[in-house]
C-alpha cells in the first residue's frame, strides 16, 4: 500500500479531496494536476504572445470548472487516459477547488483587459503571476485559492490542522 507524506495529504485535502485513502490519492494525484498544467501552459502562451483573445478564450473553461463537479480538461483523463491505465475516475470537486477556477477566470479577465487596453507591462506581470500560481498545484499540490478559502471558511472535514 502506498502512503502519502502528511504534508501532501493536507494540501490535497485543502483542495477538498477528503475521505480518500493514501492509495486512492496516490493513484489520482498526478491526474489532479492535469487541468492546472494545461491551464498554466495555455496562459503562458497567451502571456508570451500578449494576447487578450487567447486569455479570454480560456475563461469559459475555467468558469465551467467553477460550476461543474470537475474541470472540462478532466475529460481527457476521465473519459480516456484512465481506461488505458485502469485507474479510477477523479472525484468531484469540492467548493474549495471550484473557487480556484473562479479565481482563475477573474484573473484571466483582468490580464486580458490589461493586454487589450495597452497596459502590456501589467499584462505580463499579471500573466507571469498567474502562471506561477497555476504551477503550484502542478509542482507541489498547493493551491493558493483553496488555501485562502480554507482560511476564511475552514478546511474540508478530513483536513488535519497544521501548516500548508
N, C-alpha and C. Protein backbone atom coordinates (compact mmCIF):
# COMPACT_ATOMS: atom_id res chain seq x y z
N UNK A 1 0.84 -1.19 0.00
CA UNK A 1 0.00 0.00 0.00
C UNK A 1 0.88 1.25 0.00
N UNK A 2 0.56 2.19 -0.87
CA UNK A 2 1.34 3.41 -0.96
C UNK A 2 0.85 4.42 0.08
N UNK A 3 1.78 5.19 0.60
CA UNK A 3 1.42 6.22 1.55
C UNK A 3 1.83 7.59 1.03
N UNK A 4 1.13 8.57 1.49
CA UNK A 4 1.45 9.96 1.14
C UNK A 4 2.11 10.63 2.32
N UNK A 5 2.96 11.57 2.04
CA UNK A 5 3.51 12.39 3.12
C UNK A 5 2.36 13.19 3.73
N UNK A 6 2.36 13.39 5.04
CA UNK A 6 1.28 14.15 5.67
C UNK A 6 1.07 15.53 5.04
N UNK A 7 2.15 16.18 4.64
CA UNK A 7 2.05 17.50 4.01
C UNK A 7 1.30 17.42 2.69
N UNK A 8 1.57 16.40 1.91
CA UNK A 8 0.90 16.21 0.63
C UNK A 8 -0.58 15.96 0.84
N UNK A 9 -0.91 15.10 1.80
CA UNK A 9 -2.31 14.81 2.12
C UNK A 9 -3.02 16.10 2.52
N UNK A 10 -2.41 16.90 3.38
CA UNK A 10 -3.03 18.17 3.81
C UNK A 10 -3.30 19.08 2.62
N UNK A 11 -2.35 19.17 1.73
CA UNK A 11 -2.51 20.05 0.57
C UNK A 11 -3.64 19.58 -0.34
N UNK A 12 -3.76 18.29 -0.52
CA UNK A 12 -4.84 17.75 -1.34
C UNK A 12 -6.19 17.89 -0.63
N UNK A 13 -6.20 17.70 0.67
CA UNK A 13 -7.44 17.85 1.43
C UNK A 13 -7.92 19.29 1.46
N UNK A 14 -7.01 20.24 1.49
CA UNK A 14 -7.41 21.64 1.46
C UNK A 14 -8.13 21.95 0.15
N UNK A 15 -7.78 21.23 -0.91
CA UNK A 15 -8.48 21.39 -2.19
C UNK A 15 -9.82 20.67 -2.19
N UNK A 16 -10.10 19.92 -1.11
CA UNK A 16 -11.38 19.24 -0.98
C UNK A 16 -11.35 17.75 -1.27
N UNK A 17 -10.19 17.20 -1.52
CA UNK A 17 -10.09 15.77 -1.78
C UNK A 17 -9.93 15.04 -0.45
N UNK A 18 -11.05 14.88 0.24
CA UNK A 18 -11.07 14.33 1.59
C UNK A 18 -11.73 12.95 1.59
N UNK A 19 -11.44 12.20 2.63
CA UNK A 19 -12.06 10.89 2.80
C UNK A 19 -11.52 9.82 1.88
N UNK A 20 -10.37 10.06 1.27
CA UNK A 20 -9.77 9.08 0.37
C UNK A 20 -8.56 8.45 1.04
N UNK A 21 -8.32 7.19 0.75
CA UNK A 21 -7.15 6.51 1.31
C UNK A 21 -5.88 7.05 0.66
N UNK A 22 -4.75 6.79 1.30
CA UNK A 22 -3.47 7.17 0.72
C UNK A 22 -3.30 6.54 -0.66
N UNK A 23 -3.71 5.29 -0.77
CA UNK A 23 -3.57 4.58 -2.04
C UNK A 23 -4.41 5.24 -3.14
N UNK A 24 -5.64 5.59 -2.81
CA UNK A 24 -6.52 6.24 -3.80
C UNK A 24 -5.97 7.61 -4.20
N UNK A 25 -5.51 8.39 -3.21
CA UNK A 25 -4.95 9.70 -3.53
C UNK A 25 -3.68 9.58 -4.35
N UNK A 26 -2.85 8.60 -4.03
CA UNK A 26 -1.61 8.40 -4.78
C UNK A 26 -1.91 8.05 -6.23
N UNK A 27 -2.97 7.27 -6.44
CA UNK A 27 -3.34 6.85 -7.79
C UNK A 27 -3.84 8.02 -8.65
N UNK A 28 -4.61 8.93 -8.05
CA UNK A 28 -5.19 10.02 -8.83
C UNK A 28 -4.37 11.31 -8.77
N UNK A 29 -3.46 11.39 -7.83
CA UNK A 29 -2.69 12.64 -7.61
C UNK A 29 -2.08 13.21 -8.89
N UNK A 30 -1.40 12.42 -9.72
CA UNK A 30 -0.83 13.02 -10.93
C UNK A 30 -1.90 13.59 -11.86
N UNK A 31 -3.08 13.00 -11.86
CA UNK A 31 -4.13 13.41 -12.78
C UNK A 31 -4.92 14.61 -12.26
N UNK A 32 -4.82 14.88 -10.97
CA UNK A 32 -5.39 16.11 -10.42
C UNK A 32 -4.59 17.32 -10.88
N UNK A 33 -3.40 17.06 -11.37
CA UNK A 33 -2.51 18.12 -11.86
C UNK A 33 -2.72 18.45 -13.33
N UNK A 34 -3.46 17.61 -14.04
CA UNK A 34 -3.61 17.79 -15.48
C UNK A 34 -4.29 19.11 -15.84
N UNK A 35 -5.43 19.41 -15.23
CA UNK A 35 -6.14 20.66 -15.55
C UNK A 35 -5.33 21.89 -15.21
N UNK A 36 -4.72 21.97 -14.01
CA UNK A 36 -3.88 23.14 -13.74
C UNK A 36 -2.69 23.23 -14.70
N UNK A 37 -2.13 22.09 -15.11
CA UNK A 37 -0.98 22.11 -16.02
C UNK A 37 -1.39 22.63 -17.40
N UNK A 38 -2.52 22.17 -17.90
CA UNK A 38 -2.99 22.64 -19.20
C UNK A 38 -3.35 24.13 -19.14
N UNK A 39 -3.97 24.53 -18.04
CA UNK A 39 -4.32 25.95 -17.87
C UNK A 39 -3.06 26.81 -17.81
N UNK A 40 -2.08 26.39 -17.02
CA UNK A 40 -0.84 27.16 -16.90
C UNK A 40 -0.13 27.26 -18.25
N UNK A 41 -0.14 26.18 -19.02
CA UNK A 41 0.50 26.18 -20.34
C UNK A 41 -0.21 27.14 -21.29
N UNK A 42 -1.53 27.07 -21.30
CA UNK A 42 -2.33 27.96 -22.16
C UNK A 42 -2.06 29.42 -21.79
N UNK A 43 -2.07 29.70 -20.49
CA UNK A 43 -1.88 31.07 -20.03
C UNK A 43 -0.44 31.55 -20.27
N UNK A 44 0.51 30.65 -20.20
CA UNK A 44 1.90 31.03 -20.51
C UNK A 44 2.01 31.45 -21.97
N UNK A 45 1.37 30.68 -22.85
CA UNK A 45 1.39 31.04 -24.28
C UNK A 45 0.69 32.37 -24.51
N UNK A 46 -0.47 32.55 -23.89
CA UNK A 46 -1.22 33.80 -24.05
C UNK A 46 -0.42 34.99 -23.52
N UNK A 47 0.29 34.78 -22.42
CA UNK A 47 1.10 35.85 -21.85
C UNK A 47 2.29 36.17 -22.75
N UNK A 48 2.99 35.16 -23.20
CA UNK A 48 4.15 35.38 -24.08
C UNK A 48 3.75 36.11 -25.36
N UNK A 49 2.55 35.81 -25.84
CA UNK A 49 2.06 36.45 -27.07
C UNK A 49 1.32 37.75 -26.79
N UNK A 50 1.18 38.09 -25.49
CA UNK A 50 0.43 39.29 -25.07
C UNK A 50 -0.95 39.32 -25.72
N UNK A 51 -1.61 38.18 -25.72
CA UNK A 51 -2.87 38.02 -26.44
C UNK A 51 -4.08 38.02 -25.50
N UNK A 52 -4.83 39.10 -25.55
CA UNK A 52 -6.07 39.17 -24.79
C UNK A 52 -7.05 38.12 -25.28
N UNK A 53 -7.10 37.89 -26.58
CA UNK A 53 -8.04 36.91 -27.14
C UNK A 53 -7.76 35.50 -26.63
N UNK A 54 -6.49 35.13 -26.56
CA UNK A 54 -6.15 33.81 -26.01
C UNK A 54 -6.52 33.72 -24.53
N UNK A 55 -6.29 34.81 -23.80
CA UNK A 55 -6.68 34.84 -22.38
C UNK A 55 -8.17 34.61 -22.26
N UNK A 56 -8.92 35.39 -23.00
CA UNK A 56 -10.37 35.34 -22.90
C UNK A 56 -10.94 34.01 -23.42
N UNK A 57 -10.25 33.37 -24.34
CA UNK A 57 -10.72 32.07 -24.84
C UNK A 57 -10.66 31.00 -23.77
N UNK A 58 -9.81 31.19 -22.78
CA UNK A 58 -9.68 30.21 -21.69
C UNK A 58 -10.75 30.39 -20.61
N UNK A 59 -11.33 31.58 -20.52
CA UNK A 59 -12.28 31.88 -19.45
C UNK A 59 -13.47 30.91 -19.39
N UNK A 60 -14.11 30.56 -20.51
CA UNK A 60 -15.24 29.62 -20.40
C UNK A 60 -14.86 28.28 -19.77
N UNK A 61 -13.66 27.80 -20.05
CA UNK A 61 -13.23 26.53 -19.46
C UNK A 61 -13.10 26.66 -17.95
N UNK A 62 -12.51 27.75 -17.50
CA UNK A 62 -12.36 27.97 -16.06
C UNK A 62 -13.70 28.19 -15.39
N UNK A 63 -14.58 28.94 -16.04
CA UNK A 63 -15.91 29.15 -15.46
C UNK A 63 -16.67 27.83 -15.34
N UNK A 64 -16.55 26.98 -16.34
CA UNK A 64 -17.19 25.66 -16.25
C UNK A 64 -16.59 24.85 -15.10
N UNK A 65 -15.29 24.99 -14.89
CA UNK A 65 -14.66 24.32 -13.74
C UNK A 65 -15.19 24.82 -12.42
N UNK A 66 -15.66 26.06 -12.40
CA UNK A 66 -16.20 26.64 -11.17
C UNK A 66 -17.63 26.18 -10.90
N UNK A 67 -18.39 25.87 -11.94
CA UNK A 67 -19.79 25.50 -11.73
C UNK A 67 -20.07 24.01 -11.88
N UNK A 68 -19.21 23.29 -12.55
CA UNK A 68 -19.41 21.85 -12.73
C UNK A 68 -18.70 21.07 -11.62
N UNK A 69 -18.99 19.79 -11.49
CA UNK A 69 -18.31 18.99 -10.45
C UNK A 69 -16.86 18.67 -10.78
N UNK A 70 -16.37 19.11 -11.91
CA UNK A 70 -14.98 18.92 -12.30
C UNK A 70 -14.64 19.92 -13.39
N UNK A 71 -13.38 19.99 -13.76
CA UNK A 71 -12.92 20.90 -14.80
C UNK A 71 -13.11 20.23 -16.16
N UNK A 72 -13.46 21.01 -17.18
CA UNK A 72 -13.62 20.41 -18.51
C UNK A 72 -12.38 19.65 -19.00
N UNK A 73 -11.19 20.09 -18.61
CA UNK A 73 -9.98 19.39 -19.03
C UNK A 73 -9.85 18.00 -18.38
N UNK A 74 -10.60 17.75 -17.32
CA UNK A 74 -10.58 16.43 -16.68
C UNK A 74 -11.14 15.34 -17.58
N UNK A 75 -11.88 15.73 -18.63
CA UNK A 75 -12.43 14.71 -19.54
C UNK A 75 -11.32 13.92 -20.23
N UNK A 76 -10.17 14.54 -20.44
CA UNK A 76 -9.06 13.80 -21.06
C UNK A 76 -8.68 12.59 -20.22
N UNK A 77 -8.71 12.76 -18.91
CA UNK A 77 -8.41 11.66 -18.01
C UNK A 77 -9.64 10.77 -17.81
N UNK A 78 -10.75 11.37 -17.39
CA UNK A 78 -11.93 10.59 -17.01
C UNK A 78 -12.54 9.76 -18.13
N UNK A 79 -12.42 10.23 -19.37
CA UNK A 79 -13.02 9.51 -20.49
C UNK A 79 -12.00 8.96 -21.47
N UNK A 80 -10.74 8.94 -21.07
CA UNK A 80 -9.71 8.42 -21.96
C UNK A 80 -8.58 7.75 -21.21
N UNK A 81 -7.70 8.56 -20.66
CA UNK A 81 -6.47 8.07 -20.04
C UNK A 81 -6.74 7.02 -18.97
N UNK A 82 -7.74 7.24 -18.14
CA UNK A 82 -7.97 6.31 -17.02
C UNK A 82 -8.33 4.91 -17.49
N UNK A 83 -8.99 4.81 -18.63
CA UNK A 83 -9.34 3.49 -19.15
C UNK A 83 -8.10 2.77 -19.67
N UNK A 84 -7.19 3.53 -20.25
CA UNK A 84 -5.95 2.94 -20.73
C UNK A 84 -5.08 2.46 -19.56
N UNK A 85 -5.12 3.20 -18.45
CA UNK A 85 -4.28 2.90 -17.29
C UNK A 85 -5.00 2.09 -16.21
N UNK A 86 -6.29 1.82 -16.43
CA UNK A 86 -7.11 1.09 -15.45
C UNK A 86 -7.09 1.78 -14.09
N UNK A 87 -7.43 3.04 -14.09
CA UNK A 87 -7.46 3.86 -12.88
C UNK A 87 -8.89 4.29 -12.58
N UNK A 88 -9.14 4.74 -11.35
CA UNK A 88 -10.48 5.23 -11.01
C UNK A 88 -10.71 6.63 -11.57
N UNK A 89 -11.97 7.05 -11.67
CA UNK A 89 -12.24 8.42 -12.11
C UNK A 89 -11.82 9.43 -11.04
N UNK A 90 -11.64 10.66 -11.45
CA UNK A 90 -11.34 11.71 -10.49
C UNK A 90 -12.58 12.00 -9.66
N UNK A 91 -12.41 12.29 -8.38
CA UNK A 91 -13.57 12.63 -7.56
C UNK A 91 -14.13 14.00 -7.93
N UNK A 92 -15.37 14.24 -7.52
CA UNK A 92 -16.00 15.54 -7.74
C UNK A 92 -15.21 16.62 -7.02
N UNK A 93 -15.21 17.81 -7.60
CA UNK A 93 -14.52 18.94 -6.98
C UNK A 93 -15.34 19.48 -5.82
N UNK A 94 -14.68 19.75 -4.74
CA UNK A 94 -15.25 20.45 -3.59
C UNK A 94 -15.28 21.93 -3.95
N UNK A 95 -16.09 22.68 -3.24
CA UNK A 95 -16.17 24.12 -3.48
C UNK A 95 -14.79 24.78 -3.39
N UNK A 96 -13.93 24.27 -2.51
CA UNK A 96 -12.59 24.84 -2.36
C UNK A 96 -11.82 24.80 -3.68
N UNK A 97 -11.91 23.72 -4.42
CA UNK A 97 -11.20 23.62 -5.70
C UNK A 97 -11.93 24.41 -6.79
N UNK A 98 -13.25 24.43 -6.73
CA UNK A 98 -14.00 25.18 -7.73
C UNK A 98 -13.76 26.69 -7.60
N UNK A 99 -13.50 27.14 -6.36
CA UNK A 99 -13.16 28.55 -6.13
C UNK A 99 -11.88 28.90 -6.90
N UNK A 100 -10.98 27.96 -7.02
CA UNK A 100 -9.74 28.18 -7.80
C UNK A 100 -10.08 28.52 -9.24
N UNK A 101 -11.03 27.78 -9.79
CA UNK A 101 -11.43 28.02 -11.18
C UNK A 101 -12.08 29.39 -11.33
N UNK A 102 -12.88 29.78 -10.36
CA UNK A 102 -13.49 31.11 -10.39
C UNK A 102 -12.42 32.20 -10.29
N UNK A 103 -11.50 32.02 -9.36
CA UNK A 103 -10.40 33.00 -9.21
C UNK A 103 -9.59 33.08 -10.50
N UNK A 104 -9.33 31.94 -11.13
CA UNK A 104 -8.59 31.93 -12.39
C UNK A 104 -9.34 32.70 -13.46
N UNK A 105 -10.64 32.53 -13.52
CA UNK A 105 -11.45 33.24 -14.51
C UNK A 105 -11.34 34.74 -14.34
N UNK A 106 -11.42 35.19 -13.11
CA UNK A 106 -11.32 36.63 -12.84
C UNK A 106 -9.93 37.15 -13.18
N UNK A 107 -8.92 36.37 -12.83
CA UNK A 107 -7.53 36.76 -13.11
C UNK A 107 -7.28 36.83 -14.62
N UNK A 108 -7.82 35.85 -15.35
CA UNK A 108 -7.68 35.85 -16.81
C UNK A 108 -8.35 37.06 -17.42
N UNK A 109 -9.52 37.40 -16.89
CA UNK A 109 -10.25 38.56 -17.38
C UNK A 109 -9.42 39.83 -17.20
N UNK A 110 -8.87 40.02 -16.01
CA UNK A 110 -8.05 41.20 -15.73
C UNK A 110 -6.80 41.25 -16.58
N UNK A 111 -6.16 40.10 -16.75
CA UNK A 111 -4.94 40.05 -17.55
C UNK A 111 -5.26 40.35 -19.01
N UNK A 112 -6.35 39.79 -19.50
CA UNK A 112 -6.77 40.08 -20.87
C UNK A 112 -7.08 41.55 -21.07
N UNK A 113 -7.77 42.14 -20.10
CA UNK A 113 -8.06 43.58 -20.18
C UNK A 113 -6.78 44.41 -20.21
N UNK A 114 -5.80 44.01 -19.43
CA UNK A 114 -4.53 44.74 -19.43
C UNK A 114 -3.90 44.71 -20.82
N UNK A 115 -3.85 43.53 -21.43
CA UNK A 115 -3.28 43.44 -22.77
C UNK A 115 -4.12 44.20 -23.79
N UNK A 116 -5.45 44.05 -23.72
CA UNK A 116 -6.33 44.72 -24.68
C UNK A 116 -6.28 46.23 -24.53
N UNK A 117 -6.08 46.71 -23.32
CA UNK A 117 -6.06 48.14 -23.08
C UNK A 117 -4.71 48.80 -23.27
N UNK A 118 -3.73 48.03 -23.70
CA UNK A 118 -2.41 48.59 -23.95
C UNK A 118 -1.49 48.64 -22.74
N UNK A 119 -1.94 48.11 -21.60
CA UNK A 119 -1.09 48.06 -20.41
C UNK A 119 -0.29 46.75 -20.45
N UNK A 120 0.58 46.66 -21.42
CA UNK A 120 1.31 45.42 -21.70
C UNK A 120 2.17 44.98 -20.52
N UNK A 121 2.84 45.92 -19.88
CA UNK A 121 3.68 45.55 -18.74
C UNK A 121 2.83 44.93 -17.63
N UNK A 122 1.69 45.55 -17.34
CA UNK A 122 0.78 45.00 -16.34
C UNK A 122 0.30 43.62 -16.77
N UNK A 123 -0.01 43.45 -18.05
CA UNK A 123 -0.44 42.16 -18.58
C UNK A 123 0.62 41.09 -18.38
N UNK A 124 1.87 41.45 -18.67
CA UNK A 124 2.96 40.49 -18.48
C UNK A 124 3.13 40.12 -17.00
N UNK A 125 3.03 41.11 -16.13
CA UNK A 125 3.18 40.85 -14.70
C UNK A 125 2.03 39.96 -14.21
N UNK A 126 0.79 40.32 -14.55
CA UNK A 126 -0.35 39.50 -14.13
C UNK A 126 -0.29 38.10 -14.73
N UNK A 127 0.09 38.02 -15.99
CA UNK A 127 0.20 36.72 -16.65
C UNK A 127 1.26 35.84 -16.02
N UNK A 128 2.43 36.42 -15.74
CA UNK A 128 3.51 35.65 -15.11
C UNK A 128 3.10 35.19 -13.71
N UNK A 129 2.44 36.08 -12.97
CA UNK A 129 1.97 35.69 -11.64
C UNK A 129 0.92 34.58 -11.73
N UNK A 130 0.04 34.66 -12.73
CA UNK A 130 -0.96 33.61 -12.93
C UNK A 130 -0.28 32.27 -13.20
N UNK A 131 0.66 32.28 -14.13
CA UNK A 131 1.35 31.03 -14.48
C UNK A 131 2.07 30.46 -13.26
N UNK A 132 2.69 31.31 -12.46
CA UNK A 132 3.35 30.84 -11.24
C UNK A 132 2.34 30.24 -10.27
N UNK A 133 1.21 30.92 -10.06
CA UNK A 133 0.20 30.42 -9.13
C UNK A 133 -0.43 29.12 -9.65
N UNK A 134 -0.68 29.04 -10.95
CA UNK A 134 -1.26 27.83 -11.53
C UNK A 134 -0.28 26.67 -11.54
N UNK A 135 1.00 26.97 -11.48
CA UNK A 135 2.02 25.91 -11.46
C UNK A 135 2.19 25.28 -10.08
N UNK A 136 1.78 25.97 -9.03
CA UNK A 136 1.94 25.42 -7.68
C UNK A 136 1.22 24.09 -7.48
N UNK A 137 -0.07 23.97 -7.87
CA UNK A 137 -0.70 22.65 -7.69
C UNK A 137 -0.07 21.57 -8.58
N UNK A 138 0.50 21.99 -9.69
CA UNK A 138 1.16 21.04 -10.59
C UNK A 138 2.46 20.52 -9.96
N UNK A 139 3.20 21.42 -9.36
CA UNK A 139 4.52 21.07 -8.84
C UNK A 139 4.50 20.53 -7.40
N UNK A 140 3.68 21.14 -6.54
CA UNK A 140 3.73 20.74 -5.12
C UNK A 140 2.36 20.52 -4.49
N UNK A 141 1.31 20.40 -5.30
CA UNK A 141 -0.05 20.13 -4.81
C UNK A 141 -0.63 21.25 -3.96
N UNK A 142 -0.03 22.43 -4.01
CA UNK A 142 -0.53 23.55 -3.21
C UNK A 142 -1.35 24.47 -4.10
N UNK A 143 -2.59 24.71 -3.70
CA UNK A 143 -3.48 25.59 -4.45
C UNK A 143 -3.77 26.82 -3.61
N UNK A 144 -3.27 27.95 -4.03
CA UNK A 144 -3.40 29.19 -3.27
C UNK A 144 -4.86 29.58 -3.02
N UNK A 145 -5.75 29.60 -4.04
CA UNK A 145 -7.14 29.96 -3.74
C UNK A 145 -7.81 28.98 -2.77
N UNK A 146 -7.51 27.69 -2.87
CA UNK A 146 -8.08 26.72 -1.92
C UNK A 146 -7.58 26.99 -0.51
N UNK A 147 -6.32 27.34 -0.41
CA UNK A 147 -5.75 27.66 0.90
C UNK A 147 -6.44 28.89 1.49
N UNK A 148 -6.62 29.93 0.68
CA UNK A 148 -7.30 31.13 1.17
C UNK A 148 -8.75 30.81 1.54
N UNK A 149 -9.40 29.97 0.75
CA UNK A 149 -10.75 29.51 1.08
C UNK A 149 -10.77 28.84 2.45
N UNK A 150 -9.77 27.98 2.71
CA UNK A 150 -9.72 27.27 3.99
C UNK A 150 -9.49 28.21 5.17
N UNK A 151 -8.75 29.28 4.94
CA UNK A 151 -8.53 30.26 6.00
C UNK A 151 -9.82 31.01 6.34
N UNK A 152 -10.63 31.27 5.32
CA UNK A 152 -11.86 32.02 5.52
C UNK A 152 -13.00 31.13 6.01
N UNK A 153 -13.19 29.99 5.37
CA UNK A 153 -14.36 29.15 5.64
C UNK A 153 -14.05 27.88 6.41
N UNK A 154 -12.78 27.62 6.65
CA UNK A 154 -12.39 26.40 7.33
C UNK A 154 -12.03 25.32 6.33
N UNK A 155 -11.25 24.40 6.79
CA UNK A 155 -10.78 23.32 5.92
C UNK A 155 -11.89 22.27 5.76
N UNK A 156 -11.93 21.61 4.60
CA UNK A 156 -12.86 20.49 4.45
C UNK A 156 -12.66 19.48 5.58
N UNK A 157 -13.69 18.77 5.93
CA UNK A 157 -13.79 17.95 7.14
C UNK A 157 -12.57 17.12 7.51
N UNK A 158 -11.97 16.41 6.58
CA UNK A 158 -10.91 15.49 6.94
C UNK A 158 -9.53 16.12 7.04
N UNK A 159 -9.44 17.44 6.83
CA UNK A 159 -8.13 18.09 6.88
C UNK A 159 -7.56 18.09 8.29
N UNK A 160 -6.28 17.85 8.36
CA UNK A 160 -5.58 17.93 9.63
C UNK A 160 -5.20 19.37 9.87
N UNK A 161 -5.10 19.72 11.10
CA UNK A 161 -4.62 21.07 11.43
C UNK A 161 -3.13 21.13 11.13
N UNK A 162 -2.64 22.29 10.91
CA UNK A 162 -1.21 22.43 10.70
C UNK A 162 -0.89 23.28 9.50
N UNK A 163 0.38 23.38 9.24
CA UNK A 163 0.87 24.21 8.13
C UNK A 163 0.51 23.60 6.80
N UNK A 164 0.48 24.45 5.81
CA UNK A 164 0.31 24.01 4.43
C UNK A 164 1.68 24.01 3.84
